[in-house]
Amino acid sequence: MSKTTVDLSVELRNRRVAESILAALAPDNVDLPDGMELHMRVESTKLHVIISCDIERADTLAATVDEVLGHVRLALAAESSVGHCS
């Protein structure tokens, strides 16, 4: 079966922010749909999220990418709010 892969790379302010967002996303790494794989890592100041699944489930892949980006946006907003309060 053919697979399709999306490799997201988000450049962040520093490594601490990237690692913080990685930790926030880690719980989403469980109970993935059948045939889907999700891998995340931090390199320097970049958060990398690699998602792959069977080509027949491309709609699920698109929804997962949207969900991950939404979580990244929320984590950045939370981190920004905390940074302004300290």
Protein backbone atom coordinates (compact mmCIF):
# COMPACT_ATOMS: atom_id res chain seq x y z
CA MET A 1 0.00 0.00 0.00
CA SER A 2 1.29 3.48 -0.86
CA LYS A 3 2.07 5.94 1.91
CA THR A 4 2.13 9.71 1.96
CA THR A 5 4.24 11.75 4.38
CA VAL A 6 4.13 15.31 5.66
CA ASP A 7 7.24 16.77 7.29
CA LEU A 8 6.46 19.91 9.30
CA SER A 9 9.34 22.08 10.41
CA VAL A 10 8.61 24.98 12.75
CA GLU A 11 11.40 27.48 13.48
CA LEU A 12 11.05 28.73 17.05
CA ARG A 13 12.68 31.40 19.17
CA ASN A 14 14.98 28.99 20.99
CA ARG A 15 15.52 25.33 21.82
CA ARG A 16 13.70 25.60 25.16
CA VAL A 17 10.51 26.72 23.42
CA ALA A 18 10.85 23.93 20.84
CA GLU A 19 11.32 21.31 23.58
CA SER A 20 8.40 22.73 25.56
CA ILE A 21 6.09 22.42 22.56
CA LEU A 22 7.39 18.92 21.86
CA ALA A 23 6.52 17.93 25.43
CA ALA A 24 3.05 19.46 25.05
CA LEU A 25 2.44 17.48 21.85
CA ALA A 26 3.76 14.15 23.18
CA PRO A 27 0.40 12.95 24.58
CA ASP A 28 -1.01 13.17 21.03
CA ASN A 29 1.41 10.41 20.01
CA VAL A 30 -0.95 7.70 21.27
CA ASP A 31 -4.06 6.09 19.81
CA LEU A 32 -3.22 7.03 16.24
CA PRO A 33 -5.53 5.86 13.45
CA ASP A 34 -4.60 2.52 11.85
CA GLY A 35 -1.76 2.91 9.36
CA MET A 36 -0.62 6.30 10.69
CA GLU A 37 2.82 7.06 12.11
CA LEU A 38 3.84 10.22 13.93
CA HIS A 39 7.42 11.11 14.87
CA MET A 40 8.60 14.30 16.54
CA ARG A 41 12.01 15.69 17.38
CA VAL A 42 13.82 18.93 18.13
CA GLU A 43 16.92 20.01 16.20
CA SER A 44 18.45 23.22 17.44
CA THR A 45 15.53 25.69 17.46
CA LYS A 46 13.32 23.67 15.08
CA LEU A 47 10.48 21.38 15.96
CA HIS A 48 10.07 18.61 13.37
CA VAL A 49 6.85 16.64 13.12
CA ILE A 50 6.71 13.84 10.56
CA ILE A 51 3.32 12.26 9.89
CA SER A 52 2.73 9.44 7.45
CA CYS A 53 -0.22 7.24 6.57
CA ASP A 54 -1.71 5.15 3.82
CA ILE A 55 -2.55 7.26 0.77
CA GLU A 56 -6.16 6.11 1.02
CA ARG A 57 -6.39 7.95 4.36
CA ALA A 58 -5.16 11.31 3.06
CA ASP A 59 -8.20 13.04 4.60
CA THR A 60 -7.14 11.72 8.02
CA LEU A 61 -3.58 12.92 7.38
CA ALA A 62 -4.83 16.42 6.52
CA ALA A 63 -6.97 16.53 9.68
CA THR A 64 -4.00 15.38 11.79
CA VAL A 65 -1.72 18.06 10.29
CA ASP A 66 -4.37 20.69 11.04
CA GLU A 67 -4.70 19.42 14.61
CA VAL A 68 -0.93 19.42 15.20
CA LEU A 69 -0.60 22.97 13.84
CA GLY A 70 -3.48 24.07 16.07
CA HIS A 71 -1.72 22.60 19.10
CA VAL A 72 1.53 24.35 18.12
CA ARG A 73 -0.32 27.68 17.84
CA LEU A 74 -1.93 27.17 21.26
CA ALA A 75 1.38 26.20 22.86
CA LEU A 76 3.05 29.28 21.38
CA ALA A 77 0.24 31.50 22.64
CA ALA A 78 0.47 29.96 26.12
CA GLU A 79 4.25 30.30 26.16
CA SER A 80 3.96 33.92 25.05
CA SER A 81 1.39 34.68 27.78
CA VAL A 82 3.54 33.07 30.47
CA GLY A 83 6.55 35.00 29.20
CA HIS A 84 4.68 38.30 29.55
CA CYS A 85 3.59 37.48 33.10
CA SER A 86 7.02 36.68 34.48
